[in-house]
C-alpha atoms as a PDB file:
ATOM      1  CA  MET A   1       0.000   0.000   0.000  1.00  0.00           C
ATOM      2  CA  THR A   2       1.381   3.414  -0.911  1.00  0.00           C
ATOM      3  CA  SER A   3       0.815   6.794   0.641  1.00  0.00           C
ATOM      4  CA  GLY A   4      -1.346   8.220  -2.105  1.00  0.00           C
ATOM      5  CA  GLN A   5       1.093  11.103  -2.423  1.00  0.00           C
ATOM      6  CA  PRO A   6       0.798  13.043  -5.723  1.00  0.00           C
ATOM      7  CA  GLU A   7       3.334  11.799  -8.251  1.00  0.00           C
ATOM      8  CA  TYR A   8       4.962  15.201  -8.780  1.00  0.00           C
ATOM      9  CA  GLU A   9       5.599  15.492  -5.040  1.00  0.00           C
ATOM     10  CA  THR A  10       7.044  11.980  -4.919  1.00  0.00           C
ATOM     11  CA  ASP A  11       9.421  12.789  -7.782  1.00  0.00           C
ATOM     12  CA  ALA A  12      10.593  15.995  -6.116  1.00  0.00           C
ATOM     13  CA  ASP A  13      11.095  14.208  -2.803  1.00  0.00           C
ATOM     14  CA  LEU A  14      13.043  11.397  -4.447  1.00  0.00           C
ATOM     15  CA  GLU A  15      15.292  13.877  -6.223  1.00  0.00           C
ATOM     16  CA  TRP A  16      15.980  15.558  -2.887  1.00  0.00           C
ATOM     17  CA  CYS A  17      16.841  12.165  -1.378  1.00  0.00           C
ATOM     18  CA  TYR A  18      19.354  11.438  -4.119  1.00  0.00           C
ATOM     19  CA  ASP A  19      20.994  14.833  -3.567  1.00  0.00           C
ATOM     20  CA  ALA A  20      21.069  14.205   0.178  1.00  0.00           C
ATOM     21  CA  VAL A  21      22.952  10.923  -0.170  1.00  0.00           C
ATOM     22  CA  HIS A  22      25.588  12.628  -2.298  1.00  0.00           C
ATOM     23  CA  GLY A  23      26.073  15.090   0.554  1.00  0.00           C
ATOM     24  CA  VAL A  24      26.424  12.641   3.436  1.00  0.00           C
ATOM     25  CA  SER A  25      28.388   9.693   2.050  1.00  0.00           C
ATOM     26  CA  ARG A  26      31.040   9.540  -0.619  1.00  0.00           C
ATOM     27  CA  THR A  27      30.921   5.743  -0.666  1.00  0.00           C
ATOM     28  CA  PHE A  28      27.151   5.372  -0.906  1.00  0.00           C
ATOM     29  CA  SER A  29      27.084   8.171  -3.453  1.00  0.00           C
ATOM     30  CA  ILE A  30      29.323   6.063  -5.682  1.00  0.00           C
ATOM     31  CA  THR A  31      27.151   3.005  -5.049  1.00  0.00           C
ATOM     32  CA  ILE A  32      23.884   4.709  -5.928  1.00  0.00           C
ATOM     33  CA  ASP A  33      25.393   6.279  -9.046  1.00  0.00           C
ATOM     34  CA  ARG A  34      26.211   2.770 -10.282  1.00  0.00           C
ATOM     35  CA  LEU A  35      22.729   1.355  -9.660  1.00  0.00           C
ATOM     36  CA  GLU A  36      19.752   1.572 -11.964  1.00  0.00           C
ATOM     37  CA  GLU A  37      16.067   1.850 -11.095  1.00  0.00           C
ATOM     38  CA  PRO A  38      14.352   0.620  -9.073  1.00  0.00           C
ATOM     39  CA  MET A  39      17.337  -0.551  -6.998  1.00  0.00           C
ATOM     40  CA  ALA A  40      18.834   2.948  -6.885  1.00  0.00           C
ATOM     41  CA  ARG A  41      15.830   4.438  -5.109  1.00  0.00           C
ATOM     42  CA  HIS A  42      15.480   1.468  -2.775  1.00  0.00           C
ATOM     43  CA  ILE A  43      19.097   1.647  -1.611  1.00  0.00           C
ATOM     44  CA  CYS A  44      19.001   5.439  -1.439  1.00  0.00           C
ATOM     45  CA  LEU A  45      15.960   5.480   0.826  1.00  0.00           C
ATOM     46  CA  GLY A  46      17.144   2.556   2.938  1.00  0.00           C
ATOM     47  CA  TYR A  47      20.435   4.332   3.517  1.00  0.00           C
ATOM     48  CA  LEU A  48      18.798   7.634   4.476  1.00  0.00           C
ATOM     49  CA  LEU A  49      16.453   5.910   6.924  1.00  0.00           C
ATOM     50  CA  CYS A  50      19.522   4.416   8.595  1.00  0.00           C
ATOM     51  CA  ARG A  51      21.404   7.713   8.436  1.00  0.00           C
ATOM     52  CA  VAL A  52      18.777   9.479  10.541  1.00  0.00           C
ATOM     53  CA  ALA A  53      19.378   6.980  13.359  1.00  0.00           C
ATOM     54  CA  ASP A  54      23.152   7.018  12.861  1.00  0.00           C
ATOM     55  CA  THR A  55      23.294  10.816  13.128  1.00  0.00           C
ATOM     56  CA  ILE A  56      21.335  10.778  16.385  1.00  0.00           C
ATOM     57  CA  GLU A  57      23.512   7.978  17.791  1.00  0.00           C
ATOM     58  CA  ASP A  58      26.707   9.855  16.853  1.00  0.00           C
ATOM     59  CA  ALA A  59      25.574  13.211  18.289  1.00  0.00           C
ATOM     60  CA  GLY A  60      27.948  14.032  21.117  1.00  0.00           C
ATOM     61  CA  HIS A  61      25.877  17.098  22.091  1.00  0.00           C
ATOM     62  CA  ILE A  62      22.755  15.034  22.883  1.00  0.00           C
ATOM     63  CA  PRO A  63      22.618  13.410  26.339  1.00  0.00           C
ATOM     64  CA  PRO A  64      22.669   9.609  26.001  1.00  0.00           C
ATOM     65  CA  GLU A  65      19.286   9.133  27.658  1.00  0.00           C
ATOM     66  CA  THR A  66      17.791  11.581  25.148  1.00  0.00           C
ATOM     67  CA  GLN A  67      19.514   9.796  22.273  1.00  0.00           C
ATOM     68  CA  THR A  68      17.884   6.567  23.409  1.00  0.00           C
ATOM     69  CA  GLU A  69      14.467   8.204  23.692  1.00  0.00           C
ATOM     70  CA  LEU A  70      14.774   9.715  20.216  1.00  0.00           C
ATOM     71  CA  LEU A  71      15.836   6.398  18.703  1.00  0.00           C
ATOM     72  CA  VAL A  72      12.967   4.557  20.385  1.00  0.00           C
ATOM     73  CA  GLU A  73      10.510   7.148  19.068  1.00  0.00           C
ATOM     74  CA  TYR A  74      12.040   6.933  15.586  1.00  0.00           C
ATOM     75  CA  ASP A  75      11.635   3.152  15.646  1.00  0.00           C
ATOM     76  CA  ARG A  76       7.938   3.627  16.420  1.00  0.00           C
ATOM     77  CA  LEU A  77       7.615   5.713  13.234  1.00  0.00           C
ATOM     78  CA  LEU A  78       8.904   2.743  11.266  1.00  0.00           C
ATOM     79  CA  ASP A  79       6.460   0.326  12.892  1.00  0.00           C
ATOM     80  CA  PRO A  80       3.319   0.018  10.727  1.00  0.00           C
ATOM     81  CA  GLU A  81       1.414  -1.316  13.744  1.00  0.00           C
ATOM     82  CA  THR A  82       1.670   1.942  15.720  1.00  0.00           C
ATOM     83  CA  ASP A  83       0.053   5.338  15.260  1.00  0.00           C
ATOM     84  CA  ALA A  84       3.266   7.228  16.076  1.00  0.00           C
ATOM     85  CA  SER A  85       3.248  10.820  14.857  1.00  0.00           C
ATOM     86  CA  VAL A  86       6.000  12.190  12.624  1.00  0.00           C
ATOM     87  CA  SER A  87       5.275  15.669  13.929  1.00  0.00           C
ATOM     88  CA  ALA A  88       5.714  14.483  17.527  1.00  0.00           C
ATOM     89  CA  PHE A  89       9.109  12.990  16.652  1.00  0.00           C
ATOM     90  CA  MET A  90      10.157  16.217  14.948  1.00  0.00           C
ATOM     91  CA  ASP A  91       9.079  18.235  17.978  1.00  0.00           C
ATOM     92  CA  GLU A  92      11.432  16.100  20.071  1.00  0.00           C
ATOM     93  CA  VAL A  93      14.402  16.126  17.692  1.00  0.00           C
ATOM     94  CA  GLU A  94      14.294  19.710  16.393  1.00  0.00           C
ATOM     95  CA  PRO A  95      15.784  21.285  19.565  1.00  0.00           C
ATOM     96  CA  TRP A  96      18.910  19.186  18.936  1.00  0.00           C
ATOM     97  CA  ILE A  97      19.363  20.107  15.269  1.00  0.00           C
ATOM     98  CA  PRO A  98      22.278  22.570  15.078  1.00  0.00           C
ATOM     99  CA  ASP A  99      21.550  26.139  13.991  1.00  0.00           C
ATOM    100  CA  ASP A 100      23.914  25.622  11.060  1.00  0.00           C
ATOM    101  CA  PRO A 101      23.248  21.966  10.268  1.00  0.00           C
ATOM    102  CA  ASN A 102      25.681  19.877   8.275  1.00  0.00           C
ATOM    103  CA  ASP A 103      24.462  17.497   5.589  1.00  0.00           C
ATOM    104  CA  ASP A 104      23.732  14.750   8.119  1.00  0.00           C
ATOM    105  CA  TRP A 105      21.510  16.990  10.228  1.00  0.00           C
ATOM    106  CA  LYS A 106      19.764  18.305   7.134  1.00  0.00           C
ATOM    107  CA  VAL A 107      18.639  14.711   6.546  1.00  0.00           C
ATOM    108  CA  VAL A 108      17.347  14.484  10.128  1.00  0.00           C
ATOM    109  CA  ALA A 109      15.495  17.780   9.627  1.00  0.00           C
ATOM    110  CA  GLU A 110      13.845  16.264   6.557  1.00  0.00           C
ATOM    111  CA  THR A 111      12.849  13.001   8.232  1.00  0.00           C
ATOM    112  CA  PRO A 112       9.178  13.502   7.205  1.00  0.00           C
ATOM    113  CA  ARG A 113      10.235  13.757   3.554  1.00  0.00           C
ATOM    114  CA  VAL A 114      12.392  10.635   3.750  1.00  0.00           C
ATOM    115  CA  LEU A 115       9.614   8.669   5.449  1.00  0.00           C
ATOM    116  CA  ARG A 116       6.864   9.639   3.029  1.00  0.00           C
ATOM    117  CA  THR A 117       9.112   8.815   0.062  1.00  0.00           C
ATOM    118  CA  PHE A 118       9.848   5.445   1.623  1.00  0.00           C
ATOM    119  CA  GLU A 119       6.134   4.808   2.183  1.00  0.00           C
ATOM    120  CA  SER A 120       5.482   5.575  -1.498  1.00  0.00           C
ATOM    121  CA  LEU A 121       7.487   2.510  -2.547  1.00  0.00           C
ATOM    122  CA  ASP A 122       5.833  -0.712  -3.621  1.00  0.00           C
ATOM    123  CA  GLU A 123       4.964  -2.989  -0.736  1.00  0.00           C
ATOM    124  CA  GLU A 124       7.474  -5.790  -1.429  1.00  0.00           C
ATOM    125  CA  PRO A 125      10.709  -3.744  -1.310  1.00  0.00           C
ATOM    126  CA  ARG A 126       9.334  -1.528   1.434  1.00  0.00           C
ATOM    127  CA  GLU A 127       8.671  -4.484   3.729  1.00  0.00           C
ATOM    128  CA  ILE A 128      12.014  -6.115   2.890  1.00  0.00           C
ATOM    129  CA  MET A 129      13.717  -2.911   4.040  1.00  0.00           C
ATOM    130  CA  ARG A 130      11.653  -2.154   7.108  1.00  0.00           C
ATOM    131  CA  GLU A 131      12.821  -4.944   9.435  1.00  0.00           C
ATOM    132  CA  PRO A 132      16.600  -4.483   9.025  1.00  0.00           C
ATOM    133  CA  VAL A 133      16.262  -0.699   9.383  1.00  0.00           C
ATOM    134  CA  ARG A 134      14.317  -1.178  12.606  1.00  0.00           C
ATOM    135  CA  GLU A 135      16.927  -3.679  13.838  1.00  0.00           C
ATOM    136  CA  LEU A 136      19.624  -1.055  13.247  1.00  0.00           C
ATOM    137  CA  VAL A 137      17.637   1.594  15.134  1.00  0.00           C
ATOM    138  CA  ASP A 138      16.911  -0.766  18.040  1.00  0.00           C
ATOM    139  CA  GLY A 139      20.568  -1.786  18.234  1.00  0.00           C
ATOM    140  CA  MET A 140      21.744   1.813  18.353  1.00  0.00           C
ATOM    141  CA  ALA A 141      19.212   2.589  21.078  1.00  0.00           C
ATOM    142  CA  MET A 142      20.518  -0.385  23.038  1.00  0.00           C
ATOM    143  CA  PHE A 143      24.107   0.859  22.812  1.00  0.00           C
ATOM    144  CA  THR A 144      23.327   4.462  23.757  1.00  0.00           C
ATOM    145  CA  ASP A 145      21.399   3.148  26.748  1.00  0.00           C
ATOM    146  CA  ARG A 146      24.166   0.713  27.686  1.00  0.00           C
ATOM    147  CA  TYR A 147      26.747   3.518  27.888  1.00  0.00           C
ATOM    148  CA  ALA A 148      24.494   6.309  29.120  1.00  0.00           C
ATOM    149  CA  ASP A 149      26.599   6.843  32.245  1.00  0.00           C
ATOM    150  CA  GLU A 150      29.789   7.290  30.197  1.00  0.00           C
ATOM    151  CA  GLY A 151      28.276   9.936  27.930  1.00  0.00           C
ATOM    152  CA  GLY A 152      29.516   8.108  24.826  1.00  0.00           C
ATOM    153  CA  LEU A 153      30.198   4.583  23.604  1.00  0.00           C
ATOM    154  CA  ARG A 154      33.182   2.811  25.183  1.00  0.00           C
ATOM    155  CA  LEU A 155      33.254  -0.647  23.656  1.00  0.00           C
ATOM    156  CA  GLN A 156      34.959  -3.186  25.889  1.00  0.00           C
ATOM    157  CA  THR A 157      35.751  -6.302  23.865  1.00  0.00           C
ATOM    158  CA  LEU A 158      36.211  -7.530  20.320  1.00  0.00           C
ATOM    159  CA  GLU A 159      32.899  -9.359  20.659  1.00  0.00           C
ATOM    160  CA  GLU A 160      31.139  -6.146  21.603  1.00  0.00           C
ATOM    161  CA  LEU A 161      32.818  -4.282  18.761  1.00  0.00           C
ATOM    162  CA  GLU A 162      31.507  -6.827  16.280  1.00  0.00           C
ATOM    163  CA  GLU A 163      28.090  -6.746  17.916  1.00  0.00           C
ATOM    164  CA  TYR A 164      28.047  -2.987  17.334  1.00  0.00           C
ATOM    165  CA  CYS A 165      29.277  -3.478  13.757  1.00  0.00           C
ATOM    166  CA  TRP A 166      26.370  -5.842  13.171  1.00  0.00           C
ATOM    167  CA  TYR A 167      23.804  -3.234  14.159  1.00  0.00           C
ATOM    168  CA  ALA A 168      25.587  -0.406  12.351  1.00  0.00           C
ATOM    169  CA  ALA A 169      26.392  -2.262   9.123  1.00  0.00           C
ATOM    170  CA  GLY A 170      25.322  -5.908   9.196  1.00  0.00           C
ATOM    171  CA  THR A 171      21.686  -4.866   9.270  1.00  0.00           C
ATOM    172  CA  VAL A 172      22.323  -2.755   6.177  1.00  0.00           C
ATOM    173  CA  GLY A 173      23.870  -5.830   4.566  1.00  0.00           C
ATOM    174  CA  THR A 174      20.682  -7.749   5.368  1.00  0.00           C
ATOM    175  CA  LEU A 175      18.628  -4.987   3.751  1.00  0.00           C
ATOM    176  CA  ILE A 176      20.766  -5.007   0.604  1.00  0.00           C
ATOM    177  CA  THR A 177      20.744  -8.792   0.383  1.00  0.00           C
ATOM    178  CA  GLY A 178      16.981  -8.960   0.776  1.00  0.00           C
ATOM    179  CA  LEU A 179      16.524  -6.562  -2.126  1.00  0.00           C
ATOM    180  CA  VAL A 180      19.059  -8.027  -4.552  1.00  0.00           C
ATOM    181  CA  ALA A 181      18.298 -11.700  -3.820  1.00  0.00           C
ATOM    182  CA  ARG A 182      14.674 -11.483  -5.001  1.00  0.00           C
ATOM    183  CA  GLY A 183      14.167 -14.046  -7.733  1.00  0.00           C
ATOM    184  CA  ALA A 184      17.564 -15.700  -7.199  1.00  0.00           C
ATOM    185  CA  SER A 185      17.830 -19.443  -6.714  1.00  0.00           C
ATOM    186  CA  GLU A 186      17.591 -20.610  -3.116  1.00  0.00           C
ATOM    187  CA  GLU A 187      21.201 -21.802  -3.234  1.00  0.00           C
ATOM    188  CA  ARG A 188      22.435 -18.447  -4.483  1.00  0.00           C
ATOM    189  CA  ALA A 189      20.313 -16.504  -2.006  1.00  0.00           C
ATOM    190  CA  ARG A 190      21.585 -18.681   0.845  1.00  0.00           C
ATOM    191  CA  GLU A 191      25.194 -18.105  -0.149  1.00  0.00           C
ATOM    192  CA  MET A 192      24.587 -14.371  -0.227  1.00  0.00           C
ATOM    193  CA  ARG A 193      23.022 -14.451   3.228  1.00  0.00           C
ATOM    194  CA  ASP A 194      25.916 -16.568   4.537  1.00  0.00           C
ATOM    195  CA  ASN A 195      28.473 -13.979   3.372  1.00  0.00           C
ATOM    196  CA  ALA A 196      26.568 -10.707   3.832  1.00  0.00           C
ATOM    197  CA  ARG A 197      27.755 -10.319   7.432  1.00  0.00           C
ATOM    198  CA  SER A 198      31.398 -10.578   6.362  1.00  0.00           C
ATOM    199  CA  PHE A 199      30.880  -8.004   3.623  1.00  0.00           C
ATOM    200  CA  ALA A 200      29.334  -5.563   6.091  1.00  0.00           C
ATOM    201  CA  LEU A 201      31.821  -6.158   8.927  1.00  0.00           C
ATOM    202  CA  LEU A 202      34.760  -5.678   6.566  1.00  0.00           C
ATOM    203  CA  LEU A 203      33.572  -2.210   5.588  1.00  0.00           C
ATOM    204  CA  GLN A 204      32.581  -1.175   9.123  1.00  0.00           C
ATOM    205  CA  LEU A 205      35.786  -2.355  10.792  1.00  0.00           C
ATOM    206  CA  VAL A 206      37.842  -0.470   8.225  1.00  0.00           C
ATOM    207  CA  ASN A 207      35.818   2.670   8.964  1.00  0.00           C
ATOM    208  CA  ILE A 208      36.414   2.235  12.689  1.00  0.00           C
ATOM    209  CA  ALA A 209      40.150   1.715  12.218  1.00  0.00           C
ATOM    210  CA  LYS A 210      40.571   4.878  10.145  1.00  0.00           C
ATOM    211  CA  ASP A 211      38.241   7.202  12.081  1.00  0.00           C
ATOM    212  CA  VAL A 212      39.527   6.902  15.660  1.00  0.00           C
ATOM    213  CA  GLU A 213      40.272  10.605  16.143  1.00  0.00           C
ATOM    214  CA  ASN A 214      37.050  11.839  14.559  1.00  0.00           C
ATOM    215  CA  ASP A 215      34.925   9.330  16.479  1.00  0.00           C
ATOM    216  CA  TYR A 216      36.387  10.477  19.798  1.00  0.00           C
ATOM    217  CA  HIS A 217      36.542  14.250  19.329  1.00  0.00           C
ATOM    218  CA  GLU A 218      33.340  14.771  17.340  1.00  0.00           C
ATOM    219  CA  GLU A 219      31.127  11.983  18.720  1.00  0.00           C
ATOM    220  CA  ASN A 220      32.721  11.106  22.089  1.00  0.00           C
ATOM    221  CA  ASN A 221      32.766   7.460  21.030  1.00  0.00           C
ATOM    222  CA  VAL A 222      35.634   4.981  21.352  1.00  0.00           C
ATOM    223  CA  TYR A 223      35.090   1.859  19.296  1.00  0.00           C
ATOM    224  CA  LEU A 224      38.582   0.394  19.767  1.00  0.00           C
ATOM    225  CA  PRO A 225      38.122  -2.452  22.289  1.00  0.00           C
ATOM    226  CA  ALA A 226      39.020  -1.320  25.800  1.00  0.00           C
ATOM    227  CA  GLU A 227      40.594  -4.736  26.465  1.00  0.00           C
ATOM    228  CA  TRP A 228      43.077  -4.127  23.627  1.00  0.00           C
ATOM    229  CA  LEU A 229      43.783  -0.575  24.780  1.00  0.00           C
ATOM    230  CA  GLU A 230      44.390  -1.869  28.304  1.00  0.00           C
ATOM    231  CA  GLU A 231      46.983  -4.308  26.974  1.00  0.00           C
ATOM    232  CA  GLU A 232      48.797  -1.248  25.589  1.00  0.00           C
ATOM    233  CA  ASN A 233      48.346   0.682  28.874  1.00  0.00           C
ATOM    234  CA  VAL A 234      46.138   3.279  27.188  1.00  0.00           C
ATOM    235  CA  PRO A 235      43.181   4.691  29.148  1.00  0.00           C
ATOM    236  CA  VAL A 236      40.071   4.739  26.976  1.00  0.00           C
ATOM    237  CA  ASP A 237      39.631   8.489  27.397  1.00  0.00           C
ATOM    238  CA  ALA A 238      43.251   9.147  26.396  1.00  0.00           C
ATOM    239  CA  VAL A 239      42.977   7.376  23.060  1.00  0.00           C
ATOM    240  CA  THR A 240      44.098  10.422  21.045  1.00  0.00           C
ATOM    241  CA  ASP A 241      46.706  11.786  23.485  1.00  0.00           C
ATOM    242  CA  GLU A 242      50.064  12.310  21.844  1.00  0.00           C
ATOM    243  CA  GLU A 243      51.973  10.125  24.302  1.00  0.00           C
ATOM    244  CA  ASN A 244      49.709   7.191  23.351  1.00  0.00           C
ATOM    245  CA  HIS A 245      50.024   7.453  19.581  1.00  0.00           C
ATOM    246  CA  GLY A 246      52.370   4.481  19.233  1.00  0.00           C
ATOM    247  CA  ALA A 247      50.310   2.228  21.484  1.00  0.00           C
ATOM    248  CA  VAL A 248      47.003   3.172  19.836  1.00  0.00           C
ATOM    249  CA  THR A 249      48.611   2.486  16.463  1.00  0.00           C
ATOM    250  CA  ASN A 250      49.121  -1.111  17.600  1.00  0.00           C
ATOM    251  CA  VAL A 251      45.410  -1.417  18.373  1.00  0.00           C
ATOM    252  CA  ILE A 252      44.470   0.109  15.012  1.00  0.00           C
ATOM    253  CA  GLN A 253      46.628  -2.523  13.340  1.00  0.00           C
ATOM    254  CA  ARG A 254      44.787  -5.247  15.268  1.00  0.00           C
ATOM    255  CA  VAL A 255      41.410  -3.924  14.136  1.00  0.00           C
ATOM    256  CA  THR A 256      42.724  -3.784  10.560  1.00  0.00           C
ATOM    257  CA  SER A 257      43.930  -7.362  10.838  1.00  0.00           C
ATOM    258  CA  ARG A 258      40.503  -8.399  12.091  1.00  0.00           C
ATOM    259  CA  ALA A 259      38.894  -6.697   9.100  1.00  0.00           C
ATOM    260  CA  GLU A 260      41.198  -8.653   6.800  1.00  0.00           C
ATOM    261  CA  THR A 261      39.750 -11.931   8.079  1.00  0.00           C
ATOM    262  CA  TYR A 262      36.477 -11.026   6.347  1.00  0.00           C
ATOM    263  CA  VAL A 263      37.928 -10.217   2.927  1.00  0.00           C
ATOM    264  CA  ASP A 264      37.572 -13.692   1.392  1.00  0.00           C
ATOM    265  CA  ASP A 265      33.932 -14.128   2.407  1.00  0.00           C
ATOM    266  CA  ALA A 266      33.141 -10.575   1.297  1.00  0.00           C
ATOM    267  CA  HIS A 267      34.698 -11.422  -2.058  1.00  0.00           C
ATOM    268  CA  ARG A 268      32.495 -14.494  -2.300  1.00  0.00           C
ATOM    269  CA  TYR A 269      29.458 -12.291  -1.701  1.00  0.00           C
ATOM    270  CA  LEU A 270      30.387 -10.313  -4.809  1.00  0.00           C
ATOM    271  CA  GLU A 271      30.881 -13.469  -6.836  1.00  0.00           C
ATOM    272  CA  VAL A 272      27.248 -14.505  -6.334  1.00  0.00           C
ATOM    273  CA  VAL A 273      25.395 -11.173  -6.102  1.00  0.00           C
ATOM    274  CA  PRO A 274      22.886 -11.079  -9.004  1.00  0.00           C
ATOM    275  CA  GLU A 275      22.468  -8.191 -11.393  1.00  0.00           C
ATOM    276  CA  ARG A 276      18.714  -7.748 -11.497  1.00  0.00           C
ATOM    277  CA  HIS A 277      16.130  -5.210 -10.329  1.00  0.00           C
ATOM    278  CA  GLY A 278      18.617  -2.508 -11.350  1.00  0.00           C
ATOM    279  CA  ASN A 279      21.441  -3.959  -9.274  1.00  0.00           C
ATOM    280  CA  ARG A 280      24.983  -3.793 -10.660  1.00  0.00           C
ATOM    281  CA  LEU A 281      28.080  -5.608  -9.473  1.00  0.00           C
ATOM    282  CA  SER A 282      30.135  -2.416  -9.582  1.00  0.00           C
ATOM    283  CA  ALA A 283      27.900  -0.753  -6.980  1.00  0.00           C
ATOM    284  CA  TRP A 284      29.236  -3.121  -4.321  1.00  0.00           C
ATOM    285  CA  ALA A 285      32.611  -4.047  -5.828  1.00  0.00           C
ATOM    286  CA  ILE A 286      33.858  -0.445  -5.670  1.00  0.00           C
ATOM    287  CA  PRO A 287      33.241  -0.016  -1.890  1.00  0.00           C
ATOM    288  CA  TYR A 288      34.779  -3.441  -1.307  1.00  0.00           C
ATOM    289  CA  LEU A 289      37.910  -2.571  -3.261  1.00  0.00           C
ATOM    290  CA  LEU A 290      38.150   0.840  -1.593  1.00  0.00           C
ATOM    291  CA  ALA A 291      38.147  -1.015   1.749  1.00  0.00           C
ATOM    292  CA  VAL A 292      40.977  -3.214   0.483  1.00  0.00           C
ATOM    293  CA  GLY A 293      42.917  -0.103  -0.535  1.00  0.00           C
ATOM    294  CA  THR A 294      42.219   1.584   2.801  1.00  0.00           C
ATOM    295  CA  MET A 295      43.563  -1.459   4.668  1.00  0.00           C
ATOM    296  CA  ARG A 296      46.746  -1.135   2.609  1.00  0.00           C
ATOM    297  CA  GLU A 297      47.044   2.495   3.701  1.00  0.00           C
ATOM    298  CA  LEU A 298      46.354   1.536   7.332  1.00  0.00           C
ATOM    299  CA  ARG A 299      49.063  -1.102   7.243  1.00  0.00           C
ATOM    300  CA  GLU A 300      51.559   1.328   5.743  1.00  0.00           C
ATOM    301  CA  ARG A 301      50.786   4.418   7.851  1.00  0.00           C
ATOM    302  CA  PRO A 302      48.543   3.575  10.813  1.00  0.00           C
ATOM    303  CA  GLU A 303      50.088   6.385  12.850  1.00  0.00           C
ATOM    304  CA  ASP A 304      48.372   8.920  10.556  1.00  0.00           C
ATOM    305  CA  VAL A 305      45.028   7.936  12.092  1.00  0.00           C
ATOM    306  CA  VAL A 306      46.011   9.442  15.446  1.00  0.00           C
ATOM    307  CA  GLN A 307      48.545  12.024  14.262  1.00  0.00           C
ATOM    308  CA  GLU A 308      46.571  13.523  11.399  1.00  0.00           C
ATOM    309  CA  GLY A 309      43.142  11.949  11.810  1.00  0.00           C
ATOM    310  CA  ASP A 310      42.986  11.044   8.153  1.00  0.00           C
ATOM    311  CA  VAL A 311      43.810   7.816   6.319  1.00  0.00           C
ATOM    312  CA  LYS A 312      42.155   7.571   2.942  1.00  0.00           C
ATOM    313  CA  VAL A 313      42.706   6.001  -0.421  1.00  0.00           C
ATOM    314  CA  PRO A 314      44.201   8.689  -2.691  1.00  0.00           C
ATOM    315  CA  ARG A 315      41.580  10.526  -4.725  1.00  0.00           C
ATOM    316  CA  ALA A 316      43.409   9.597  -7.926  1.00  0.00           C
ATOM    317  CA  GLU A 317      43.056   5.930  -6.994  1.00  0.00           C
ATOM    318  CA  VAL A 318      39.304   6.348  -6.432  1.00  0.00           C
ATOM    319  CA  TYR A 319      38.968   7.815  -9.926  1.00  0.00           C
ATOM    320  CA  ALA A 320      41.133   5.065 -11.402  1.00  0.00           C
ATOM    321  CA  LEU A 321      38.980   2.412  -9.736  1.00  0.00           C
ATOM    322  CA  ILE A 322      35.723   3.909 -10.958  1.00  0.00           C
ATOM    323  CA  GLN A 323      37.214   4.059 -14.449  1.00  0.00           C
ATOM    324  CA  GLN A 324      37.815   0.303 -14.308  1.00  0.00           C
ATOM    325  CA  PHE A 325      34.047  -0.183 -14.161  1.00  0.00           C
ATOM    326  CA  GLU A 326      33.063   2.213 -16.930  1.00  0.00           C
ATOM    327  CA  ASP A 327      32.625  -0.876 -19.059  1.00  0.00           C
ATOM    328  CA  ASP A 328      31.211  -4.089 -17.634  1.00  0.00           C
ATOM    329  CA  ILE A 329      34.011  -6.285 -16.352  1.00  0.00           C
ATOM    330  CA  SER A 330      33.998  -9.962 -15.566  1.00  0.00           C
ATOM    331  CA  ARG A 331      33.812 -11.091 -11.967  1.00  0.00           C
ATOM    332  CA  SER A 332      37.162 -12.794 -12.467  1.00  0.00           C
ATOM    333  CA  ARG A 333      38.763  -9.329 -12.755  1.00  0.00           C
ATOM    334  CA  LEU A 334      37.804  -8.601  -9.156  1.00  0.00           C
ATOM    335  CA  GLU A 335      40.540 -10.891  -7.858  1.00  0.00           C
ATOM    336  CA  ASP A 336      43.164  -9.115  -9.975  1.00  0.00           C
ATOM    337  CA  LEU A 337      41.998  -5.708  -8.742  1.00  0.00           C
ATOM    338  CA  ARG A 338      41.931  -6.916  -5.163  1.00  0.00           C
ATOM    339  CA  GLN A 339      45.497  -8.216  -5.332  1.00  0.00           C
ATOM    340  CA  LYS A 340      46.806  -5.055  -6.966  1.00  0.00           C
ATOM    341  CA  MET A 341      45.073  -2.679  -4.561  1.00  0.00           C
ATOM    342  CA  ALA A 342      46.245  -4.701  -1.573  1.00  0.00           C
ATOM    343  CA  GLU A 343      49.826  -4.013  -2.638  1.00  0.00           C
ATOM    344  CA  GLU A 344      49.903  -0.548  -4.205  1.00  0.00           C
ATOM    345  CA  PRO A 345      47.624   2.301  -5.369  1.00  0.00           C
ATOM    346  CA  LEU A 346      45.745   1.381  -8.531  1.00  0.00           C
ATOM    347  CA  HIS A 347      46.680   4.595 -10.343  1.00  0.00           C
ATOM    348  CA  ARG A 348      50.431   3.987 -10.173  1.00  0.00           C
END
């Protein structure tokens, strides 16, 4: 069932949603540019629904108990069995939207637009997306509540880190898999489901390894496991202090090594992902290969994460990678690209 929204309004809202994704995520912007309809709109809207929750969860200026309340209320908006009011949610969240909002907060401010565009989708994709988005929101609410007394997330163990990664990214992998596996053979769909977690955890662990400084100073979150920091004699709240740079670098390398354990299964995911409903292999192969390249950079200069707060694949390499997919390439080429990018920048 759709919202009955006039078509011209739906088109304008969808165009805004596409523009919004380009503003908040370089990686998902690349992905959506590679997709065709209807998959492009499905992934775009699924991502923005998750981004609303992610922005609230990352907001260091919102008290943790309020973050949890906002996330719980947002989850109610996504539940078709409740009569939760969008306007009531906006009344609660608007006081926390910065006066000069960045692109992430502009998405939060436009939550009603994102929701009504989502509700305009056909029932099948909409219902495939709804459950994993709600699982993400519930998981984030659980974590903000768990660390309410600390004022920010302070993950303790590797197991807890991967639990968080599941809610932050594995649920998105479930959403993607549900959409792209429609019509696939049961064997193929099962293999995708078996490897979707690895694909998602690879990307999320790489993000955590490279964003330590930003996560702490802008969000007051420390995702590096406290048990690993303790082994290096680093207090959790001193994770970016200059005297701890060398020790924290060791922990970053351990997180990177953990991410590497998921590369093979993530690669298998790409080998079986079907190209139907507007899905394209390149939409997921490019983020995967960028993660491989980022791990190379983290291995070679992990100290830059804490010294400069910035470890990225060179922009020229991003362009070179995208160029590789301007024409359709065989899946067998993925292994060659993976091996090359694991060793040196693709543009050299």
